[in-house]
Full PDB file with SEQRES, HELIX, SHEET, SSBOND, CRYST1, ORIGX, SCALE, CONECT and MASTER records, all heavy atoms in Angstrom:
SEQRES   1 A   32  TYR TYR ALA LYS GLY ILE VAL GLY LYS LYS ILE LYS VAL          
SEQRES   2 A   32  GLU CYS ASP LEU PHE GLY ASP GLY HIS ASP VAL VAL ASN          
SEQRES   3 A   32  GLY SER LEU LEU TYR LYS                                      
CRYST1    1.000    1.000    1.000  90.00  90.00  90.00 P 1           1          
ORIGX1      1.000000  0.000000  0.000000        0.00000                         
ORIGX2      0.000000  1.000000  0.000000        0.00000                         
ORIGX3      0.000000  0.000000  1.000000        0.00000                         
SCALE1      1.000000  0.000000  0.000000        0.00000                         
SCALE2      0.000000  1.000000  0.000000        0.00000                         
SCALE3      0.000000  0.000000  1.000000        0.00000                         
ATOM      1  N   TYR A   1      30.037 -28.439  29.684  1.00  0.00           N  
ATOM      2  CA  TYR A   1      30.004 -28.765  28.335  1.00  0.00           C  
ATOM      3  C   TYR A   1      30.379 -30.351  28.071  1.00  0.00           C  
ATOM      4  O   TYR A   1      30.737 -31.032  29.048  1.00  0.00           O  
ATOM      5  CB  TYR A   1      31.025 -27.942  27.553  1.00  0.00           C  
ATOM      6  CG  TYR A   1      30.814 -26.442  27.600  1.00  0.00           C  
ATOM      7  CD1 TYR A   1      31.698 -25.582  27.976  1.00  0.00           C  
ATOM      8  CD2 TYR A   1      29.558 -25.965  27.513  1.00  0.00           C  
ATOM      9  CE1 TYR A   1      31.651 -24.284  28.130  1.00  0.00           C  
ATOM     10  CE2 TYR A   1      29.279 -24.562  27.632  1.00  0.00           C  
ATOM     11  CZ  TYR A   1      30.306 -23.819  27.988  1.00  0.00           C  
ATOM     12  OH  TYR A   1      30.104 -22.442  28.082  1.00  0.00           O  
ATOM     13  N   TYR A   2      30.300 -30.803  26.909  1.00  0.00           N  
ATOM     14  CA  TYR A   2      30.454 -32.169  26.581  1.00  0.00           C  
ATOM     15  C   TYR A   2      31.623 -32.346  25.647  1.00  0.00           C  
ATOM     16  O   TYR A   2      31.996 -31.442  24.806  1.00  0.00           O  
ATOM     17  CB  TYR A   2      29.211 -32.761  25.920  1.00  0.00           C  
ATOM     18  CG  TYR A   2      28.704 -31.936  24.806  1.00  0.00           C  
ATOM     19  CD1 TYR A   2      29.106 -32.109  23.423  1.00  0.00           C  
ATOM     20  CD2 TYR A   2      27.459 -30.996  25.006  1.00  0.00           C  
ATOM     21  CE1 TYR A   2      28.591 -31.259  22.422  1.00  0.00           C  
ATOM     22  CE2 TYR A   2      27.037 -30.211  24.017  1.00  0.00           C  
ATOM     23  CZ  TYR A   2      27.557 -30.394  22.689  1.00  0.00           C  
ATOM     24  OH  TYR A   2      26.991 -29.652  21.611  1.00  0.00           O  
ATOM     25  N   ALA A   3      32.244 -33.543  25.724  1.00  0.00           N  
ATOM     26  CA  ALA A   3      33.267 -33.918  24.700  1.00  0.00           C  
ATOM     27  C   ALA A   3      32.670 -34.291  23.426  1.00  0.00           C  
ATOM     28  O   ALA A   3      31.381 -34.480  23.379  1.00  0.00           O  
ATOM     29  CB  ALA A   3      34.064 -35.090  25.362  1.00  0.00           C  
ATOM     30  N   LYS A   4      33.441 -34.694  22.520  1.00  0.00           N  
ATOM     31  CA  LYS A   4      32.982 -35.069  21.087  1.00  0.00           C  
ATOM     32  C   LYS A   4      33.485 -36.390  20.752  1.00  0.00           C  
ATOM     33  O   LYS A   4      34.797 -36.657  20.919  1.00  0.00           O  
ATOM     34  CB  LYS A   4      33.270 -33.951  20.113  1.00  0.00           C  
ATOM     35  CG  LYS A   4      32.624 -32.635  20.467  1.00  0.00           C  
ATOM     36  CD  LYS A   4      32.825 -31.811  19.236  1.00  0.00           C  
ATOM     37  CE  LYS A   4      32.109 -30.382  19.483  1.00  0.00           C  
ATOM     38  NZ  LYS A   4      33.049 -29.490  20.315  1.00  0.00           N  
ATOM     39  N   GLY A   5      32.754 -37.017  20.031  1.00  0.00           N  
ATOM     40  CA  GLY A   5      33.217 -38.485  19.317  1.00  0.00           C  
ATOM     41  C   GLY A   5      32.659 -38.702  18.065  1.00  0.00           C  
ATOM     42  O   GLY A   5      31.752 -37.880  17.589  1.00  0.00           O  
ATOM     43  N   ILE A   6      32.882 -39.830  17.521  1.00  0.00           N  
ATOM     44  CA  ILE A   6      32.461 -40.216  16.173  1.00  0.00           C  
ATOM     45  C   ILE A   6      31.899 -41.553  16.347  1.00  0.00           C  
ATOM     46  O   ILE A   6      32.494 -42.381  16.856  1.00  0.00           O  
ATOM     47  CB  ILE A   6      33.652 -40.198  15.119  1.00  0.00           C  
ATOM     48  CG1 ILE A   6      34.105 -38.806  14.995  1.00  0.00           C  
ATOM     49  CG2 ILE A   6      33.153 -40.695  13.738  1.00  0.00           C  
ATOM     50  CD1 ILE A   6      33.211 -37.729  14.409  1.00  0.00           C  
ATOM     51  N   VAL A   7      30.806 -41.757  15.526  1.00  0.00           N  
ATOM     52  CA  VAL A   7      30.229 -43.229  15.533  1.00  0.00           C  
ATOM     53  C   VAL A   7      31.260 -44.221  15.099  1.00  0.00           C  
ATOM     54  O   VAL A   7      32.012 -43.986  14.139  1.00  0.00           O  
ATOM     55  CB  VAL A   7      29.003 -43.155  14.529  1.00  0.00           C  
ATOM     56  CG1 VAL A   7      28.484 -44.588  14.341  1.00  0.00           C  
ATOM     57  CG2 VAL A   7      27.894 -42.336  15.062  1.00  0.00           C  
ATOM     58  N   GLY A   8      31.479 -45.257  15.787  1.00  0.00           N  
ATOM     59  CA  GLY A   8      32.302 -46.295  15.479  1.00  0.00           C  
ATOM     60  C   GLY A   8      33.814 -46.158  15.845  1.00  0.00           C  
ATOM     61  O   GLY A   8      34.646 -47.039  15.609  1.00  0.00           O  
ATOM     62  N   LYS A   9      34.065 -44.987  16.563  1.00  0.00           N  
ATOM     63  CA  LYS A   9      35.464 -44.833  17.196  1.00  0.00           C  
ATOM     64  C   LYS A   9      35.285 -44.864  18.654  1.00  0.00           C  
ATOM     65  O   LYS A   9      34.632 -44.119  19.243  1.00  0.00           O  
ATOM     66  CB  LYS A   9      35.979 -43.501  16.725  1.00  0.00           C  
ATOM     67  CG  LYS A   9      36.530 -43.479  15.253  1.00  0.00           C  
ATOM     68  CD  LYS A   9      37.232 -42.222  14.788  1.00  0.00           C  
ATOM     69  CE  LYS A   9      38.569 -42.307  15.398  1.00  0.00           C  
ATOM     70  NZ  LYS A   9      39.553 -43.267  14.777  1.00  0.00           N  
ATOM     71  N   LYS A  10      36.228 -45.566  19.325  1.00  0.00           N  
ATOM     72  CA  LYS A  10      36.262 -45.814  20.777  1.00  0.00           C  
ATOM     73  C   LYS A  10      36.379 -44.491  21.528  1.00  0.00           C  
ATOM     74  O   LYS A  10      37.065 -43.557  21.129  1.00  0.00           O  
ATOM     75  CB  LYS A  10      37.143 -46.837  21.124  1.00  0.00           C  
ATOM     76  CG  LYS A  10      36.887 -48.176  20.788  1.00  0.00           C  
ATOM     77  CD  LYS A  10      38.051 -49.150  21.354  1.00  0.00           C  
ATOM     78  CE  LYS A  10      37.703 -50.560  20.939  1.00  0.00           C  
ATOM     79  NZ  LYS A  10      38.681 -51.536  21.364  1.00  0.00           N  
ATOM     80  N   ILE A  11      35.675 -44.248  22.647  1.00  0.00           N  
ATOM     81  CA  ILE A  11      35.918 -43.203  23.494  1.00  0.00           C  
ATOM     82  C   ILE A  11      36.661 -43.645  24.772  1.00  0.00           C  
ATOM     83  O   ILE A  11      36.284 -44.646  25.358  1.00  0.00           O  
ATOM     84  CB  ILE A  11      34.468 -42.678  23.989  1.00  0.00           C  
ATOM     85  CG1 ILE A  11      33.592 -42.121  22.810  1.00  0.00           C  
ATOM     86  CG2 ILE A  11      34.708 -41.517  24.981  1.00  0.00           C  
ATOM     87  CD1 ILE A  11      34.281 -40.949  22.176  1.00  0.00           C  
ATOM     88  N   LYS A  12      37.754 -43.003  25.061  1.00  0.00           N  
ATOM     89  CA  LYS A  12      38.578 -43.339  26.101  1.00  0.00           C  
ATOM     90  C   LYS A  12      38.261 -42.440  27.282  1.00  0.00           C  
ATOM     91  O   LYS A  12      38.374 -41.281  27.142  1.00  0.00           O  
ATOM     92  CB  LYS A  12      40.023 -43.330  25.705  1.00  0.00           C  
ATOM     93  CG  LYS A  12      41.049 -43.797  26.788  1.00  0.00           C  
ATOM     94  CD  LYS A  12      42.415 -43.672  26.424  1.00  0.00           C  
ATOM     95  CE  LYS A  12      43.456 -44.256  27.389  1.00  0.00           C  
ATOM     96  NZ  LYS A  12      44.884 -44.114  26.927  1.00  0.00           N  
ATOM     97  N   VAL A  13      38.035 -43.030  28.467  1.00  0.00           N  
ATOM     98  CA  VAL A  13      37.794 -42.325  29.639  1.00  0.00           C  
ATOM     99  C   VAL A  13      38.833 -42.610  30.629  1.00  0.00           C  
ATOM    100  O   VAL A  13      39.174 -43.822  30.886  1.00  0.00           O  
ATOM    101  CB  VAL A  13      36.318 -42.677  30.272  1.00  0.00           C  
ATOM    102  CG1 VAL A  13      36.130 -41.972  31.593  1.00  0.00           C  
ATOM    103  CG2 VAL A  13      35.284 -42.346  29.287  1.00  0.00           C  
ATOM    104  N   GLU A  14      39.418 -41.623  31.324  1.00  0.00           N  
ATOM    105  CA  GLU A  14      40.577 -41.727  32.257  1.00  0.00           C  
ATOM    106  C   GLU A  14      40.151 -41.092  33.625  1.00  0.00           C  
ATOM    107  O   GLU A  14      39.401 -40.098  33.684  1.00  0.00           O  
ATOM    108  CB  GLU A  14      41.818 -41.167  31.659  1.00  0.00           C  
ATOM    109  CG  GLU A  14      42.153 -41.835  30.351  1.00  0.00           C  
ATOM    110  CD  GLU A  14      43.442 -41.035  29.752  1.00  0.00           C  
ATOM    111  OE1 GLU A  14      44.547 -41.169  30.269  1.00  0.00           O  
ATOM    112  OE2 GLU A  14      43.212 -40.305  28.685  1.00  0.00           O  
ATOM    113  N   CYS A  15      40.802 -41.517  34.600  1.00  0.00           N  
ATOM    114  CA  CYS A  15      40.626 -40.866  35.891  1.00  0.00           C  
ATOM    115  C   CYS A  15      41.689 -41.335  36.778  1.00  0.00           C  
ATOM    116  O   CYS A  15      42.418 -42.376  36.477  1.00  0.00           O  
ATOM    117  CB  CYS A  15      39.289 -41.283  36.575  1.00  0.00           C  
ATOM    118  SG  CYS A  15      39.243 -43.006  36.994  1.00  0.00           S  
ATOM    119  N   ASP A  16      41.867 -40.578  37.956  1.00  0.00           N  
ATOM    120  CA  ASP A  16      42.715 -41.039  39.078  1.00  0.00           C  
ATOM    121  C   ASP A  16      41.769 -41.635  40.038  1.00  0.00           C  
ATOM    122  O   ASP A  16      40.723 -40.989  40.436  1.00  0.00           O  
ATOM    123  CB  ASP A  16      43.462 -39.809  39.623  1.00  0.00           C  
ATOM    124  CG  ASP A  16      44.655 -39.363  38.679  1.00  0.00           C  
ATOM    125  OD1 ASP A  16      44.940 -40.190  37.798  1.00  0.00           O  
ATOM    126  OD2 ASP A  16      45.138 -38.206  38.876  1.00  0.00           O  
ATOM    127  N   LEU A  17      42.093 -42.929  40.592  1.00  0.00           N  
ATOM    128  CA  LEU A  17      41.178 -43.648  41.528  1.00  0.00           C  
ATOM    129  C   LEU A  17      42.130 -44.191  42.586  1.00  0.00           C  
ATOM    130  O   LEU A  17      43.127 -44.981  42.164  1.00  0.00           O  
ATOM    131  CB  LEU A  17      40.400 -44.563  40.714  1.00  0.00           C  
ATOM    132  CG  LEU A  17      39.321 -45.473  41.445  1.00  0.00           C  
ATOM    133  CD1 LEU A  17      38.299 -45.812  40.565  1.00  0.00           C  
ATOM    134  CD2 LEU A  17      39.909 -46.694  42.192  1.00  0.00           C  
ATOM    135  N   PHE A  18      41.832 -43.957  43.716  1.00  0.00           N  
ATOM    136  CA  PHE A  18      42.661 -44.414  44.866  1.00  0.00           C  
ATOM    137  C   PHE A  18      41.775 -44.417  46.276  1.00  0.00           C  
ATOM    138  O   PHE A  18      40.823 -43.725  46.282  1.00  0.00           O  
ATOM    139  CB  PHE A  18      43.846 -43.608  45.013  1.00  0.00           C  
ATOM    140  CG  PHE A  18      43.747 -42.192  45.197  1.00  0.00           C  
ATOM    141  CD1 PHE A  18      43.676 -41.624  46.539  1.00  0.00           C  
ATOM    142  CD2 PHE A  18      43.621 -41.329  44.160  1.00  0.00           C  
ATOM    143  CE1 PHE A  18      43.417 -40.246  46.692  1.00  0.00           C  
ATOM    144  CE2 PHE A  18      43.457 -40.039  44.305  1.00  0.00           C  
ATOM    145  CZ  PHE A  18      43.235 -39.330  45.616  1.00  0.00           C  
ATOM    146  N   GLY A  19      42.366 -45.146  47.141  1.00  0.00           N  
ATOM    147  CA  GLY A  19      41.730 -45.161  48.400  1.00  0.00           C  
ATOM    148  C   GLY A  19      42.788 -45.059  49.587  1.00  0.00           C  
ATOM    149  O   GLY A  19      43.989 -44.908  49.230  1.00  0.00           O  
ATOM    150  N   ASP A  20      42.312 -45.049  50.800  1.00  0.00           N  
ATOM    151  CA  ASP A  20      43.146 -44.954  51.935  1.00  0.00           C  
ATOM    152  C   ASP A  20      43.797 -46.158  52.263  1.00  0.00           C  
ATOM    153  O   ASP A  20      43.296 -47.310  51.810  1.00  0.00           O  
ATOM    154  CB  ASP A  20      42.435 -44.370  53.148  1.00  0.00           C  
ATOM    155  CG  ASP A  20      41.256 -45.285  53.575  1.00  0.00           C  
ATOM    156  OD1 ASP A  20      41.530 -46.199  54.301  1.00  0.00           O  
ATOM    157  OD2 ASP A  20      40.166 -45.112  53.025  1.00  0.00           O  
ATOM    158  N   GLY A  21      44.970 -46.234  52.853  1.00  0.00           N  
ATOM    159  CA  GLY A  21      45.582 -47.567  53.293  1.00  0.00           C  
ATOM    160  C   GLY A  21      46.189 -48.207  52.033  1.00  0.00           C  
ATOM    161  O   GLY A  21      46.460 -47.710  51.018  1.00  0.00           O  
ATOM    162  N   HIS A  22      46.061 -49.708  52.250  1.00  0.00           N  
ATOM    163  CA  HIS A  22      46.689 -50.511  51.201  1.00  0.00           C  
ATOM    164  C   HIS A  22      45.690 -51.495  50.666  1.00  0.00           C  
ATOM    165  O   HIS A  22      46.011 -52.355  50.008  1.00  0.00           O  
ATOM    166  CB  HIS A  22      47.853 -51.299  51.850  1.00  0.00           C  
ATOM    167  CG  HIS A  22      49.054 -50.353  52.509  1.00  0.00           C  
ATOM    168  ND1 HIS A  22      49.830 -49.774  51.601  1.00  0.00           N  
ATOM    169  CD2 HIS A  22      49.280 -50.107  53.766  1.00  0.00           C  
ATOM    170  CE1 HIS A  22      50.570 -49.088  52.356  1.00  0.00           C  
ATOM    171  NE2 HIS A  22      50.411 -49.263  53.699  1.00  0.00           N  
ATOM    172  N   ASP A  23      44.393 -51.318  50.964  1.00  0.00           N  
ATOM    173  CA  ASP A  23      43.331 -52.233  50.484  1.00  0.00           C  
ATOM    174  C   ASP A  23      43.240 -52.016  48.954  1.00  0.00           C  
ATOM    175  O   ASP A  23      43.496 -51.050  48.263  1.00  0.00           O  
ATOM    176  CB  ASP A  23      41.990 -51.912  51.051  1.00  0.00           C  
ATOM    177  CG  ASP A  23      41.866 -52.287  52.378  1.00  0.00           C  
ATOM    178  OD1 ASP A  23      42.837 -53.067  52.861  1.00  0.00           O  
ATOM    179  OD2 ASP A  23      40.951 -51.901  53.190  1.00  0.00           O  
ATOM    180  N   VAL A  24      42.877 -53.240  48.271  1.00  0.00           N  
ATOM    181  CA  VAL A  24      42.700 -53.188  46.815  1.00  0.00           C  
ATOM    182  C   VAL A  24      41.534 -52.414  46.539  1.00  0.00           C  
ATOM    183  O   VAL A  24      40.408 -52.526  47.080  1.00  0.00           O  
ATOM    184  CB  VAL A  24      42.582 -54.748  46.415  1.00  0.00           C  
ATOM    185  CG1 VAL A  24      42.348 -54.647  44.866  1.00  0.00           C  
ATOM    186  CG2 VAL A  24      43.810 -55.550  46.641  1.00  0.00           C  
ATOM    187  N   VAL A  25      41.624 -51.467  45.413  1.00  0.00           N  
ATOM    188  CA  VAL A  25      40.440 -50.787  44.967  1.00  0.00           C  
ATOM    189  C   VAL A  25      40.145 -51.185  43.605  1.00  0.00           C  
ATOM    190  O   VAL A  25      41.081 -51.774  42.818  1.00  0.00           O  
ATOM    191  CB  VAL A  25      40.633 -49.213  45.108  1.00  0.00           C  
ATOM    192  CG1 VAL A  25      41.045 -48.759  46.573  1.00  0.00           C  
ATOM    193  CG2 VAL A  25      41.965 -48.816  44.183  1.00  0.00           C  
ATOM    194  N   ASN A  26      38.967 -50.931  43.127  1.00  0.00           N  
ATOM    195  CA  ASN A  26      38.538 -51.173  41.871  1.00  0.00           C  
ATOM    196  C   ASN A  26      37.447 -50.151  41.302  1.00  0.00           C  
ATOM    197  O   ASN A  26      37.056 -49.285  42.056  1.00  0.00           O  
ATOM    198  CB  ASN A  26      37.929 -52.578  41.827  1.00  0.00           C  
ATOM    199  CG  ASN A  26      38.148 -53.328  40.547  1.00  0.00           C  
ATOM    200  OD1 ASN A  26      38.424 -52.763  39.387  1.00  0.00           O  
ATOM    201  ND2 ASN A  26      38.224 -54.763  40.683  1.00  0.00           N  
ATOM    202  N   GLY A  27      37.211 -50.254  39.982  1.00  0.00           N  
ATOM    203  CA  GLY A  27      36.363 -49.276  39.484  1.00  0.00           C  
ATOM    204  C   GLY A  27      35.719 -49.622  38.237  1.00  0.00           C  
ATOM    205  O   GLY A  27      36.218 -50.571  37.505  1.00  0.00           O  
ATOM    206  N   SER A  28      34.658 -49.056  37.832  1.00  0.00           N  
ATOM    207  CA  SER A  28      33.872 -49.326  36.466  1.00  0.00           C  
ATOM    208  C   SER A  28      33.614 -48.031  35.815  1.00  0.00           C  
ATOM    209  O   SER A  28      33.275 -46.995  36.522  1.00  0.00           O  
ATOM    210  CB  SER A  28      32.690 -50.151  36.820  1.00  0.00           C  
ATOM    211  OG  SER A  28      33.003 -51.414  37.122  1.00  0.00           O  
ATOM    212  N   LEU A  29      33.425 -48.151  34.515  1.00  0.00           N  
ATOM    213  CA  LEU A  29      32.985 -47.083  33.665  1.00  0.00           C  
ATOM    214  C   LEU A  29      31.582 -47.518  33.317  1.00  0.00           C  
ATOM    215  O   LEU A  29      31.396 -48.721  32.647  1.00  0.00           O  
ATOM    216  CB  LEU A  29      33.749 -46.844  32.439  1.00  0.00           C  
ATOM    217  CG  LEU A  29      33.123 -45.968  31.266  1.00  0.00           C  
ATOM    218  CD1 LEU A  29      32.950 -44.539  31.740  1.00  0.00           C  
ATOM    219  CD2 LEU A  29      33.972 -46.085  30.074  1.00  0.00           C  
ATOM    220  N   LEU A  30      30.436 -46.621  33.512  1.00  0.00           N  
ATOM    221  CA  LEU A  30      29.162 -46.946  33.091  1.00  0.00           C  
ATOM    222  C   LEU A  30      28.758 -45.960  32.046  1.00  0.00           C  
ATOM    223  O   LEU A  30      29.154 -44.669  32.192  1.00  0.00           O  
ATOM    224  CB  LEU A  30      28.214 -46.875  34.231  1.00  0.00           C  
ATOM    225  CG  LEU A  30      28.357 -48.083  35.247  1.00  0.00           C  
ATOM    226  CD1 LEU A  30      29.370 -47.719  36.327  1.00  0.00           C  
ATOM    227  CD2 LEU A  30      27.070 -48.353  35.987  1.00  0.00           C  
ATOM    228  N   TYR A  31      28.071 -46.388  31.036  1.00  0.00           N  
ATOM    229  CA  TYR A  31      27.782 -45.495  29.943  1.00  0.00           C  
ATOM    230  C   TYR A  31      26.446 -46.020  29.194  1.00  0.00           C  
ATOM    231  O   TYR A  31      26.132 -47.160  29.283  1.00  0.00           O  
ATOM    232  CB  TYR A  31      28.849 -45.552  28.823  1.00  0.00           C  
ATOM    233  CG  TYR A  31      29.247 -46.944  28.257  1.00  0.00           C  
ATOM    234  CD1 TYR A  31      28.607 -47.181  26.998  1.00  0.00           C  
ATOM    235  CD2 TYR A  31      29.975 -47.773  28.808  1.00  0.00           C  
ATOM    236  CE1 TYR A  31      28.784 -48.395  26.468  1.00  0.00           C  
ATOM    237  CE2 TYR A  31      30.287 -49.060  28.222  1.00  0.00           C  
ATOM    238  CZ  TYR A  31      29.515 -49.318  27.026  1.00  0.00           C  
ATOM    239  OH  TYR A  31      29.728 -50.535  26.464  1.00  0.00           O  
ATOM    240  N   LYS A  32      25.825 -45.088  28.557  1.00  0.00           N  
ATOM    241  CA  LYS A  32      24.570 -45.393  27.760  1.00  0.00           C  
ATOM    242  C   LYS A  32      24.160 -44.246  26.866  1.00  0.00           C  
ATOM    243  O   LYS A  32      24.589 -43.053  27.155  1.00  0.00           O  
ATOM    244  CB  LYS A  32      23.380 -45.630  28.751  1.00  0.00           C  
ATOM    245  CG  LYS A  32      22.846 -44.384  29.465  1.00  0.00           C  
ATOM    246  CD  LYS A  32      21.628 -44.951  30.334  1.00  0.00           C  
ATOM    247  CE  LYS A  32      20.891 -43.688  31.024  1.00  0.00           C  
ATOM    248  NZ  LYS A  32      20.176 -42.783  29.965  1.00  0.00           N  
TER     249      LYS A  32                                                      
MASTER        0    0    0    0    0    0    0    6  248    1    0    3          
END                                                                             
């Protein structure tokens, strides 16, 4: 199913993101 939002109100997307070891990790949100 889908979440709900309103025109003109920001949508906040959250997640847990991690990698092995101690290297720096990064991430992006893509939307359309």
